[in-house]
């Protein structure tokens, strides 16, 4: 047992570092947290997400988290939330008085095996100040929420039924609609083949074209664990993995790509010099 003090802004990764049993305890709250049992997804998610974020994802109150974590000996700084069990960390769209709703259901896009990032970005770019964008999905798009909040959008989440998540975005002020949100910082250059040859045999090759989401992402992240400062990762993919690029940039990787055909491109990922 330990006496780490925690509150709603404590990162999940800090909890896991303090006590690995946190993974099992959080996974027991509900099925939304089963992802944490996958080490690769955990690496991506846990470092970004706070207890408050996680409570939103699971559609539970922060108090539920605190009660579970208290059993491991964590000290709760936020006692008010413990007393108020109904303190769900969500705001209701009812309070927001939505007048003009633009709705986008991305579930069919995902079921078709396509990344909905582009469709969402296009909807966001044409959103007017008076309008509210509703994204209907099977999970909460945490990276997207963080990204848009940085760009001056407010966001809140609702759940009406099991497995259906409504995420709302509203532009706070009129202004620059150039969001610079398309994170394709991968370079499509003529240097691809030259760079590829420069690695010689020091190259790991994987093909993720037949995998279902989110397996291409987890497979790439897993393979990157073995990439050194001198080696490269060569990936056969169906598309440029939009959601993964900011993650790779944050970790200090460069990404190049080359189109082979309409549904086949090759990625080359390596450590920035």
C-alpha atoms as a PDB file:
ATOM      1  CA  UNK A   1       0.000   0.000   0.000  1.00  0.00           C
ATOM      2  CA  UNK A   2       1.143   3.538  -0.633  1.00  0.00           C
ATOM      3  CA  UNK A   3      -0.134   7.030   0.037  1.00  0.00           C
ATOM      4  CA  UNK A   4       0.043   8.804  -3.311  1.00  0.00           C
ATOM      5  CA  UNK A   5      -2.354  11.752  -3.349  1.00  0.00           C
ATOM      6  CA  UNK A   6      -4.619  11.879  -6.390  1.00  0.00           C
ATOM      7  CA  UNK A   7      -7.267  14.150  -7.877  1.00  0.00           C
ATOM      8  CA  UNK A   8      -9.275  14.361 -11.104  1.00  0.00           C
ATOM      9  CA  UNK A   9      -6.298  15.700 -13.097  1.00  0.00           C
ATOM     10  CA  UNK A  10      -3.960  12.844 -12.091  1.00  0.00           C
ATOM     11  CA  UNK A  11      -2.770  11.001 -15.222  1.00  0.00           C
ATOM     12  CA  UNK A  12      -3.674   7.314 -15.552  1.00  0.00           C
ATOM     13  CA  UNK A  13      -0.012   6.589 -16.412  1.00  0.00           C
ATOM     14  CA  UNK A  14       1.077   8.025 -13.020  1.00  0.00           C
ATOM     15  CA  UNK A  15      -1.379   5.713 -11.237  1.00  0.00           C
ATOM     16  CA  UNK A  16      -0.101   2.665 -13.135  1.00  0.00           C
ATOM     17  CA  UNK A  17       3.498   3.629 -12.367  1.00  0.00           C
ATOM     18  CA  UNK A  18       2.667   3.883  -8.661  1.00  0.00           C
ATOM     19  CA  UNK A  19       0.839   0.558  -8.639  1.00  0.00           C
ATOM     20  CA  UNK A  20       0.481  -1.800 -11.667  1.00  0.00           C
ATOM     21  CA  UNK A  21      -2.641  -3.310 -10.010  1.00  0.00           C
ATOM     22  CA  UNK A  22      -4.426  -0.111 -11.116  1.00  0.00           C
ATOM     23  CA  UNK A  23      -4.841  -1.687 -14.588  1.00  0.00           C
ATOM     24  CA  UNK A  24      -6.959  -4.565 -13.252  1.00  0.00           C
ATOM     25  CA  UNK A  25      -8.926  -2.305 -10.914  1.00  0.00           C
ATOM     26  CA  UNK A  26      -9.814   0.224 -13.633  1.00  0.00           C
ATOM     27  CA  UNK A  27     -10.578  -2.553 -16.154  1.00  0.00           C
ATOM     28  CA  UNK A  28     -13.121  -3.926 -13.654  1.00  0.00           C
ATOM     29  CA  UNK A  29     -15.160  -0.664 -13.689  1.00  0.00           C
ATOM     30  CA  UNK A  30     -16.724  -1.438 -17.062  1.00  0.00           C
ATOM     31  CA  UNK A  31     -15.907  -2.769 -20.521  1.00  0.00           C
ATOM     32  CA  UNK A  32     -14.792   0.649 -21.818  1.00  0.00           C
ATOM     33  CA  UNK A  33     -11.573   0.217 -19.834  1.00  0.00           C
ATOM     34  CA  UNK A  34     -10.673  -3.267 -21.064  1.00  0.00           C
ATOM     35  CA  UNK A  35      -8.374  -1.491 -23.568  1.00  0.00           C
ATOM     36  CA  UNK A  36      -5.976  -0.700 -20.719  1.00  0.00           C
ATOM     37  CA  UNK A  37      -5.155  -4.398 -20.513  1.00  0.00           C
ATOM     38  CA  UNK A  38      -3.541  -4.152 -23.962  1.00  0.00           C
ATOM     39  CA  UNK A  39       0.014  -2.911 -23.242  1.00  0.00           C
ATOM     40  CA  UNK A  40       0.355  -1.038 -26.541  1.00  0.00           C
ATOM     41  CA  UNK A  41      -2.955   0.812 -26.261  1.00  0.00           C
ATOM     42  CA  UNK A  42      -2.146   1.505 -22.624  1.00  0.00           C
ATOM     43  CA  UNK A  43       1.087   3.186 -23.645  1.00  0.00           C
ATOM     44  CA  UNK A  44      -0.759   5.494 -26.047  1.00  0.00           C
ATOM     45  CA  UNK A  45      -3.786   6.241 -23.884  1.00  0.00           C
ATOM     46  CA  UNK A  46      -2.529   6.303 -20.312  1.00  0.00           C
ATOM     47  CA  UNK A  47       0.022   9.081 -20.751  1.00  0.00           C
ATOM     48  CA  UNK A  48      -2.608  11.420 -22.231  1.00  0.00           C
ATOM     49  CA  UNK A  49      -5.660  10.718 -20.110  1.00  0.00           C
ATOM     50  CA  UNK A  50      -6.504  12.020 -16.643  1.00  0.00           C
ATOM     51  CA  UNK A  51      -8.951  10.461 -14.184  1.00  0.00           C
ATOM     52  CA  UNK A  52     -11.524  13.066 -15.320  1.00  0.00           C
ATOM     53  CA  UNK A  53     -11.006  12.120 -18.997  1.00  0.00           C
ATOM     54  CA  UNK A  54     -11.259   8.420 -18.194  1.00  0.00           C
ATOM     55  CA  UNK A  55     -14.492   8.953 -16.244  1.00  0.00           C
ATOM     56  CA  UNK A  56     -15.967  10.601 -19.362  1.00  0.00           C
ATOM     57  CA  UNK A  57     -14.881   7.711 -21.566  1.00  0.00           C
ATOM     58  CA  UNK A  58     -16.537   5.214 -19.255  1.00  0.00           C
ATOM     59  CA  UNK A  59     -19.645   7.303 -18.627  1.00  0.00           C
ATOM     60  CA  UNK A  60     -19.128   7.096 -14.865  1.00  0.00           C
ATOM     61  CA  UNK A  61     -18.540   9.636 -12.121  1.00  0.00           C
ATOM     62  CA  UNK A  62     -15.056  10.497 -10.868  1.00  0.00           C
ATOM     63  CA  UNK A  63     -16.249   9.166  -7.488  1.00  0.00           C
ATOM     64  CA  UNK A  64     -16.459   5.628  -8.910  1.00  0.00           C
ATOM     65  CA  UNK A  65     -12.769   5.864  -9.851  1.00  0.00           C
ATOM     66  CA  UNK A  66     -11.835   7.257  -6.439  1.00  0.00           C
ATOM     67  CA  UNK A  67     -13.613   4.423  -4.611  1.00  0.00           C
ATOM     68  CA  UNK A  68     -11.811   1.764  -6.650  1.00  0.00           C
ATOM     69  CA  UNK A  69      -8.412   3.478  -6.307  1.00  0.00           C
ATOM     70  CA  UNK A  70      -8.870   3.997  -2.565  1.00  0.00           C
ATOM     71  CA  UNK A  71      -8.874   0.202  -2.158  1.00  0.00           C
ATOM     72  CA  UNK A  72      -5.247   0.245  -3.364  1.00  0.00           C
ATOM     73  CA  UNK A  73      -4.288   2.882  -0.808  1.00  0.00           C
ATOM     74  CA  UNK A  74      -4.405   6.038  -2.949  1.00  0.00           C
ATOM     75  CA  UNK A  75      -5.285   9.176  -0.995  1.00  0.00           C
ATOM     76  CA  UNK A  76      -8.131  11.174  -2.522  1.00  0.00           C
ATOM     77  CA  UNK A  77      -7.673  14.965  -2.412  1.00  0.00           C
ATOM     78  CA  UNK A  78     -11.097  15.668  -3.928  1.00  0.00           C
ATOM     79  CA  UNK A  79     -13.415  14.601  -1.085  1.00  0.00           C
ATOM     80  CA  UNK A  80     -16.387  16.612  -2.404  1.00  0.00           C
ATOM     81  CA  UNK A  81     -16.636  14.335  -5.448  1.00  0.00           C
ATOM     82  CA  UNK A  82     -16.606  11.269  -3.216  1.00  0.00           C
ATOM     83  CA  UNK A  83     -19.585  12.572  -1.276  1.00  0.00           C
ATOM     84  CA  UNK A  84     -21.501  13.439  -4.446  1.00  0.00           C
ATOM     85  CA  UNK A  85     -21.839  10.123  -6.264  1.00  0.00           C
ATOM     86  CA  UNK A  86     -23.920  11.722  -8.987  1.00  0.00           C
ATOM     87  CA  UNK A  87     -21.026  13.946  -9.962  1.00  0.00           C
ATOM     88  CA  UNK A  88     -20.812  12.639 -13.522  1.00  0.00           C
ATOM     89  CA  UNK A  89     -18.139  14.622 -15.344  1.00  0.00           C
ATOM     90  CA  UNK A  90     -20.355  15.505 -18.272  1.00  0.00           C
ATOM     91  CA  UNK A  91     -22.279  18.559 -19.256  1.00  0.00           C
ATOM     92  CA  UNK A  92     -25.647  18.062 -20.862  1.00  0.00           C
ATOM     93  CA  UNK A  93     -26.336  19.479 -24.314  1.00  0.00           C
ATOM     94  CA  UNK A  94     -29.687  20.559 -22.875  1.00  0.00           C
ATOM     95  CA  UNK A  95     -27.828  23.232 -20.930  1.00  0.00           C
ATOM     96  CA  UNK A  96     -26.035  24.265 -24.081  1.00  0.00           C
ATOM     97  CA  UNK A  97     -29.291  25.172 -25.895  1.00  0.00           C
ATOM     98  CA  UNK A  98     -28.281  23.657 -29.209  1.00  0.00           C
ATOM     99  CA  UNK A  99     -29.998  25.596 -31.964  1.00  0.00           C
ATOM    100  CA  UNK A 100     -28.325  24.483 -35.168  1.00  0.00           C
ATOM    101  CA  UNK A 101     -27.129  20.908 -35.005  1.00  0.00           C
ATOM    102  CA  UNK A 102     -24.884  19.352 -37.654  1.00  0.00           C
ATOM    103  CA  UNK A 103     -24.793  15.595 -37.147  1.00  0.00           C
ATOM    104  CA  UNK A 104     -22.163  13.176 -38.448  1.00  0.00           C
ATOM    105  CA  UNK A 105     -22.426   9.446 -37.743  1.00  0.00           C
ATOM    106  CA  UNK A 106     -18.956   7.984 -38.291  1.00  0.00           C
ATOM    107  CA  UNK A 107     -19.843   4.394 -37.355  1.00  0.00           C
ATOM    108  CA  UNK A 108     -20.544   3.315 -40.978  1.00  0.00           C
ATOM    109  CA  UNK A 109     -17.189   4.847 -42.010  1.00  0.00           C
ATOM    110  CA  UNK A 110     -15.373   2.831 -39.332  1.00  0.00           C
ATOM    111  CA  UNK A 111     -17.286  -0.335 -40.213  1.00  0.00           C
ATOM    112  CA  UNK A 112     -16.126   0.128 -43.813  1.00  0.00           C
ATOM    113  CA  UNK A 113     -12.553  -0.014 -42.510  1.00  0.00           C
ATOM    114  CA  UNK A 114     -11.830   3.669 -43.199  1.00  0.00           C
ATOM    115  CA  UNK A 115     -10.422   6.197 -40.755  1.00  0.00           C
ATOM    116  CA  UNK A 116     -13.151   8.844 -40.160  1.00  0.00           C
ATOM    117  CA  UNK A 117     -10.585  11.571 -39.433  1.00  0.00           C
ATOM    118  CA  UNK A 118     -10.913  13.222 -42.843  1.00  0.00           C
ATOM    119  CA  UNK A 119     -14.734  13.304 -42.745  1.00  0.00           C
ATOM    120  CA  UNK A 120     -14.679  14.823 -39.250  1.00  0.00           C
ATOM    121  CA  UNK A 121     -12.114  17.452 -40.235  1.00  0.00           C
ATOM    122  CA  UNK A 122     -14.141  18.483 -43.268  1.00  0.00           C
ATOM    123  CA  UNK A 123     -17.239  18.901 -41.084  1.00  0.00           C
ATOM    124  CA  UNK A 124     -15.270  20.917 -38.513  1.00  0.00           C
ATOM    125  CA  UNK A 125     -13.767  23.221 -41.137  1.00  0.00           C
ATOM    126  CA  UNK A 126     -17.173  24.369 -42.432  1.00  0.00           C
ATOM    127  CA  UNK A 127     -18.768  24.649 -38.985  1.00  0.00           C
ATOM    128  CA  UNK A 128     -20.224  28.096 -38.276  1.00  0.00           C
ATOM    129  CA  UNK A 129     -20.157  29.752 -34.846  1.00  0.00           C
ATOM    130  CA  UNK A 130     -23.939  29.324 -34.458  1.00  0.00           C
ATOM    131  CA  UNK A 131     -23.715  25.596 -35.211  1.00  0.00           C
ATOM    132  CA  UNK A 132     -22.841  22.617 -33.037  1.00  0.00           C
ATOM    133  CA  UNK A 133     -21.256  19.523 -34.559  1.00  0.00           C
ATOM    134  CA  UNK A 134     -22.433  16.168 -33.218  1.00  0.00           C
ATOM    135  CA  UNK A 135     -20.165  13.179 -33.848  1.00  0.00           C
ATOM    136  CA  UNK A 136     -21.846   9.810 -33.287  1.00  0.00           C
ATOM    137  CA  UNK A 137     -19.379   7.027 -32.597  1.00  0.00           C
ATOM    138  CA  UNK A 138     -18.846   3.885 -30.537  1.00  0.00           C
ATOM    139  CA  UNK A 139     -16.126   5.529 -28.430  1.00  0.00           C
ATOM    140  CA  UNK A 140     -15.064   8.993 -27.326  1.00  0.00           C
ATOM    141  CA  UNK A 141     -12.455  10.562 -29.665  1.00  0.00           C
ATOM    142  CA  UNK A 142     -10.109  11.834 -26.927  1.00  0.00           C
ATOM    143  CA  UNK A 143      -7.183  12.921 -29.226  1.00  0.00           C
ATOM    144  CA  UNK A 144      -9.626  14.881 -31.391  1.00  0.00           C
ATOM    145  CA  UNK A 145     -11.186  16.601 -28.365  1.00  0.00           C
ATOM    146  CA  UNK A 146      -7.770  17.701 -27.086  1.00  0.00           C
ATOM    147  CA  UNK A 147      -6.760  18.909 -30.540  1.00  0.00           C
ATOM    148  CA  UNK A 148      -9.924  20.969 -31.084  1.00  0.00           C
ATOM    149  CA  UNK A 149      -9.844  22.428 -27.561  1.00  0.00           C
ATOM    150  CA  UNK A 150      -6.359  23.741 -28.366  1.00  0.00           C
ATOM    151  CA  UNK A 151      -7.882  25.392 -31.428  1.00  0.00           C
ATOM    152  CA  UNK A 152     -10.634  27.178 -29.478  1.00  0.00           C
ATOM    153  CA  UNK A 153     -13.531  24.722 -29.639  1.00  0.00           C
ATOM    154  CA  UNK A 154     -15.545  23.636 -26.635  1.00  0.00           C
ATOM    155  CA  UNK A 155     -16.570  19.998 -26.383  1.00  0.00           C
ATOM    156  CA  UNK A 156     -18.826  17.798 -24.285  1.00  0.00           C
ATOM    157  CA  UNK A 157     -19.951  14.188 -24.404  1.00  0.00           C
ATOM    158  CA  UNK A 158     -23.233  12.345 -23.924  1.00  0.00           C
ATOM    159  CA  UNK A 159     -24.212   8.696 -23.844  1.00  0.00           C
ATOM    160  CA  UNK A 160     -27.807   7.759 -24.607  1.00  0.00           C
ATOM    161  CA  UNK A 161     -27.448   4.009 -24.871  1.00  0.00           C
ATOM    162  CA  UNK A 162     -24.863   1.305 -24.430  1.00  0.00           C
ATOM    163  CA  UNK A 163     -22.039   1.601 -26.942  1.00  0.00           C
ATOM    164  CA  UNK A 164     -23.192   4.869 -28.550  1.00  0.00           C
ATOM    165  CA  UNK A 165     -21.260   8.061 -27.782  1.00  0.00           C
ATOM    166  CA  UNK A 166     -22.306  11.543 -28.869  1.00  0.00           C
ATOM    167  CA  UNK A 167     -19.451  14.064 -28.858  1.00  0.00           C
ATOM    168  CA  UNK A 168     -20.305  17.731 -29.452  1.00  0.00           C
ATOM    169  CA  UNK A 169     -18.030  20.489 -30.732  1.00  0.00           C
ATOM    170  CA  UNK A 170     -18.799  24.190 -30.804  1.00  0.00           C
ATOM    171  CA  UNK A 171     -16.618  26.976 -32.158  1.00  0.00           C
ATOM    172  CA  UNK A 172     -16.189  29.657 -29.513  1.00  0.00           C
ATOM    173  CA  UNK A 173     -15.471  32.547 -31.859  1.00  0.00           C
ATOM    174  CA  UNK A 174     -15.471  33.456 -35.531  1.00  0.00           C
ATOM    175  CA  UNK A 175     -12.047  33.647 -37.039  1.00  0.00           C
ATOM    176  CA  UNK A 176      -9.436  31.553 -38.722  1.00  0.00           C
ATOM    177  CA  UNK A 177     -11.068  28.454 -40.114  1.00  0.00           C
ATOM    178  CA  UNK A 178      -7.699  27.128 -41.228  1.00  0.00           C
ATOM    179  CA  UNK A 179      -7.398  24.598 -38.471  1.00  0.00           C
ATOM    180  CA  UNK A 180      -4.099  23.114 -39.533  1.00  0.00           C
ATOM    181  CA  UNK A 181      -5.657  19.935 -38.242  1.00  0.00           C
ATOM    182  CA  UNK A 182      -4.643  17.599 -40.974  1.00  0.00           C
ATOM    183  CA  UNK A 183      -1.633  16.031 -39.313  1.00  0.00           C
ATOM    184  CA  UNK A 184      -0.188  14.512 -42.480  1.00  0.00           C
ATOM    185  CA  UNK A 185       3.268  15.653 -41.668  1.00  0.00           C
ATOM    186  CA  UNK A 186       4.435  12.543 -43.483  1.00  0.00           C
ATOM    187  CA  UNK A 187       6.490  13.589 -46.464  1.00  0.00           C
ATOM    188  CA  UNK A 188       5.572  12.144 -49.839  1.00  0.00           C
ATOM    189  CA  UNK A 189       8.871  12.637 -51.552  1.00  0.00           C
ATOM    190  CA  UNK A 190      11.097  11.257 -54.270  1.00  0.00           C
ATOM    191  CA  UNK A 191      13.680  10.498 -51.579  1.00  0.00           C
ATOM    192  CA  UNK A 192      11.605   7.539 -50.312  1.00  0.00           C
ATOM    193  CA  UNK A 193      13.542   4.844 -52.200  1.00  0.00           C
ATOM    194  CA  UNK A 194      16.912   6.423 -51.384  1.00  0.00           C
ATOM    195  CA  UNK A 195      16.024   6.620 -47.712  1.00  0.00           C
ATOM    196  CA  UNK A 196      14.729   3.054 -47.781  1.00  0.00           C
ATOM    197  CA  UNK A 197      17.998   1.790 -49.262  1.00  0.00           C
ATOM    198  CA  UNK A 198      20.013   3.726 -46.677  1.00  0.00           C
ATOM    199  CA  UNK A 199      18.791   1.363 -43.958  1.00  0.00           C
ATOM    200  CA  UNK A 200      20.089  -1.698 -45.806  1.00  0.00           C
ATOM    201  CA  UNK A 201      19.217  -4.803 -43.798  1.00  0.00           C
ATOM    202  CA  UNK A 202      18.526  -2.746 -40.674  1.00  0.00           C
ATOM    203  CA  UNK A 203      14.830  -2.643 -41.555  1.00  0.00           C
ATOM    204  CA  UNK A 204      11.730  -4.216 -39.983  1.00  0.00           C
ATOM    205  CA  UNK A 205       8.896  -4.943 -42.434  1.00  0.00           C
ATOM    206  CA  UNK A 206       5.218  -5.346 -41.523  1.00  0.00           C
ATOM    207  CA  UNK A 207       1.988  -5.493 -43.535  1.00  0.00           C
ATOM    208  CA  UNK A 208      -1.155  -4.187 -41.769  1.00  0.00           C
ATOM    209  CA  UNK A 209      -3.494  -3.972 -44.781  1.00  0.00           C
ATOM    210  CA  UNK A 210      -5.722  -6.872 -43.762  1.00  0.00           C
ATOM    211  CA  UNK A 211      -6.005  -5.948 -40.079  1.00  0.00           C
ATOM    212  CA  UNK A 212      -9.153  -4.390 -38.606  1.00  0.00           C
ATOM    213  CA  UNK A 213      -9.086  -1.095 -36.692  1.00  0.00           C
ATOM    214  CA  UNK A 214      -7.408  -0.412 -34.317  1.00  0.00           C
ATOM    215  CA  UNK A 215      -4.962  -3.270 -34.961  1.00  0.00           C
ATOM    216  CA  UNK A 216      -2.916  -1.469 -37.654  1.00  0.00           C
ATOM    217  CA  UNK A 217      -2.081   1.247 -35.103  1.00  0.00           C
ATOM    218  CA  UNK A 218      -1.214  -1.162 -32.276  1.00  0.00           C
ATOM    219  CA  UNK A 219       0.857  -3.354 -34.631  1.00  0.00           C
ATOM    220  CA  UNK A 220       2.882  -0.346 -35.824  1.00  0.00           C
ATOM    221  CA  UNK A 221       3.448   0.884 -32.242  1.00  0.00           C
ATOM    222  CA  UNK A 222       4.490  -2.592 -31.162  1.00  0.00           C
ATOM    223  CA  UNK A 223       7.001  -2.869 -34.030  1.00  0.00           C
ATOM    224  CA  UNK A 224       8.419   0.570 -33.175  1.00  0.00           C
ATOM    225  CA  UNK A 225       9.434  -0.722 -29.731  1.00  0.00           C
ATOM    226  CA  UNK A 226      12.310  -2.532 -31.480  1.00  0.00           C
ATOM    227  CA  UNK A 227      13.396   0.324 -33.740  1.00  0.00           C
ATOM    228  CA  UNK A 228      16.752   1.863 -32.818  1.00  0.00           C
ATOM    229  CA  UNK A 229      18.215   5.234 -33.798  1.00  0.00           C
ATOM    230  CA  UNK A 230      19.769   3.627 -36.891  1.00  0.00           C
ATOM    231  CA  UNK A 231      17.018   1.246 -38.024  1.00  0.00           C
ATOM    232  CA  UNK A 232      13.741   1.843 -39.842  1.00  0.00           C
ATOM    233  CA  UNK A 233      10.228   0.412 -39.947  1.00  0.00           C
ATOM    234  CA  UNK A 234       8.713  -0.340 -43.373  1.00  0.00           C
ATOM    235  CA  UNK A 235       4.905  -0.649 -43.381  1.00  0.00           C
ATOM    236  CA  UNK A 236       2.525  -1.775 -46.108  1.00  0.00           C
ATOM    237  CA  UNK A 237      -0.756   0.043 -45.313  1.00  0.00           C
ATOM    238  CA  UNK A 238      -4.055   0.913 -46.992  1.00  0.00           C
ATOM    239  CA  UNK A 239      -3.825   4.597 -46.093  1.00  0.00           C
ATOM    240  CA  UNK A 240      -1.851   7.253 -44.223  1.00  0.00           C
ATOM    241  CA  UNK A 241      -2.751   6.583 -40.540  1.00  0.00           C
ATOM    242  CA  UNK A 242      -3.990  10.081 -39.617  1.00  0.00           C
ATOM    243  CA  UNK A 243      -4.556   9.552 -35.894  1.00  0.00           C
ATOM    244  CA  UNK A 244      -1.184   7.902 -35.433  1.00  0.00           C
ATOM    245  CA  UNK A 245       0.950  10.637 -37.027  1.00  0.00           C
ATOM    246  CA  UNK A 246       0.744  13.207 -34.184  1.00  0.00           C
ATOM    247  CA  UNK A 247       1.594  10.392 -31.747  1.00  0.00           C
ATOM    248  CA  UNK A 248       4.663   9.426 -33.782  1.00  0.00           C
ATOM    249  CA  UNK A 249       5.769  13.056 -34.120  1.00  0.00           C
ATOM    250  CA  UNK A 250       5.475  13.501 -30.346  1.00  0.00           C
ATOM    251  CA  UNK A 251       7.709  10.481 -29.893  1.00  0.00           C
ATOM    252  CA  UNK A 252      10.325  11.892 -32.254  1.00  0.00           C
ATOM    253  CA  UNK A 253       9.749   9.837 -35.398  1.00  0.00           C
ATOM    254  CA  UNK A 254       9.902  10.928 -39.029  1.00  0.00           C
ATOM    255  CA  UNK A 255       7.398   9.443 -41.470  1.00  0.00           C
ATOM    256  CA  UNK A 256       7.738   9.172 -45.255  1.00  0.00           C
ATOM    257  CA  UNK A 257       5.282   7.534 -47.586  1.00  0.00           C
ATOM    258  CA  UNK A 258       4.939   6.357 -51.158  1.00  0.00           C
ATOM    259  CA  UNK A 259       1.710   5.515 -52.983  1.00  0.00           C
ATOM    260  CA  UNK A 260       1.820   2.162 -54.744  1.00  0.00           C
ATOM    261  CA  UNK A 261      -1.843   2.043 -55.830  1.00  0.00           C
ATOM    262  CA  UNK A 262      -5.193   3.479 -54.686  1.00  0.00           C
ATOM    263  CA  UNK A 263      -5.498   1.246 -51.612  1.00  0.00           C
ATOM    264  CA  UNK A 264      -1.848   0.506 -51.003  1.00  0.00           C
ATOM    265  CA  UNK A 265       0.869   2.767 -49.741  1.00  0.00           C
ATOM    266  CA  UNK A 266       4.208   2.189 -48.098  1.00  0.00           C
ATOM    267  CA  UNK A 267       5.321   4.007 -44.970  1.00  0.00           C
ATOM    268  CA  UNK A 268       8.851   4.436 -43.744  1.00  0.00           C
ATOM    269  CA  UNK A 269       9.124   5.372 -40.051  1.00  0.00           C
ATOM    270  CA  UNK A 270      12.417   6.145 -38.351  1.00  0.00           C
ATOM    271  CA  UNK A 271      13.874   8.151 -35.472  1.00  0.00           C
ATOM    272  CA  UNK A 272      14.610  11.821 -36.135  1.00  0.00           C
ATOM    273  CA  UNK A 273      18.345  12.395 -36.338  1.00  0.00           C
END
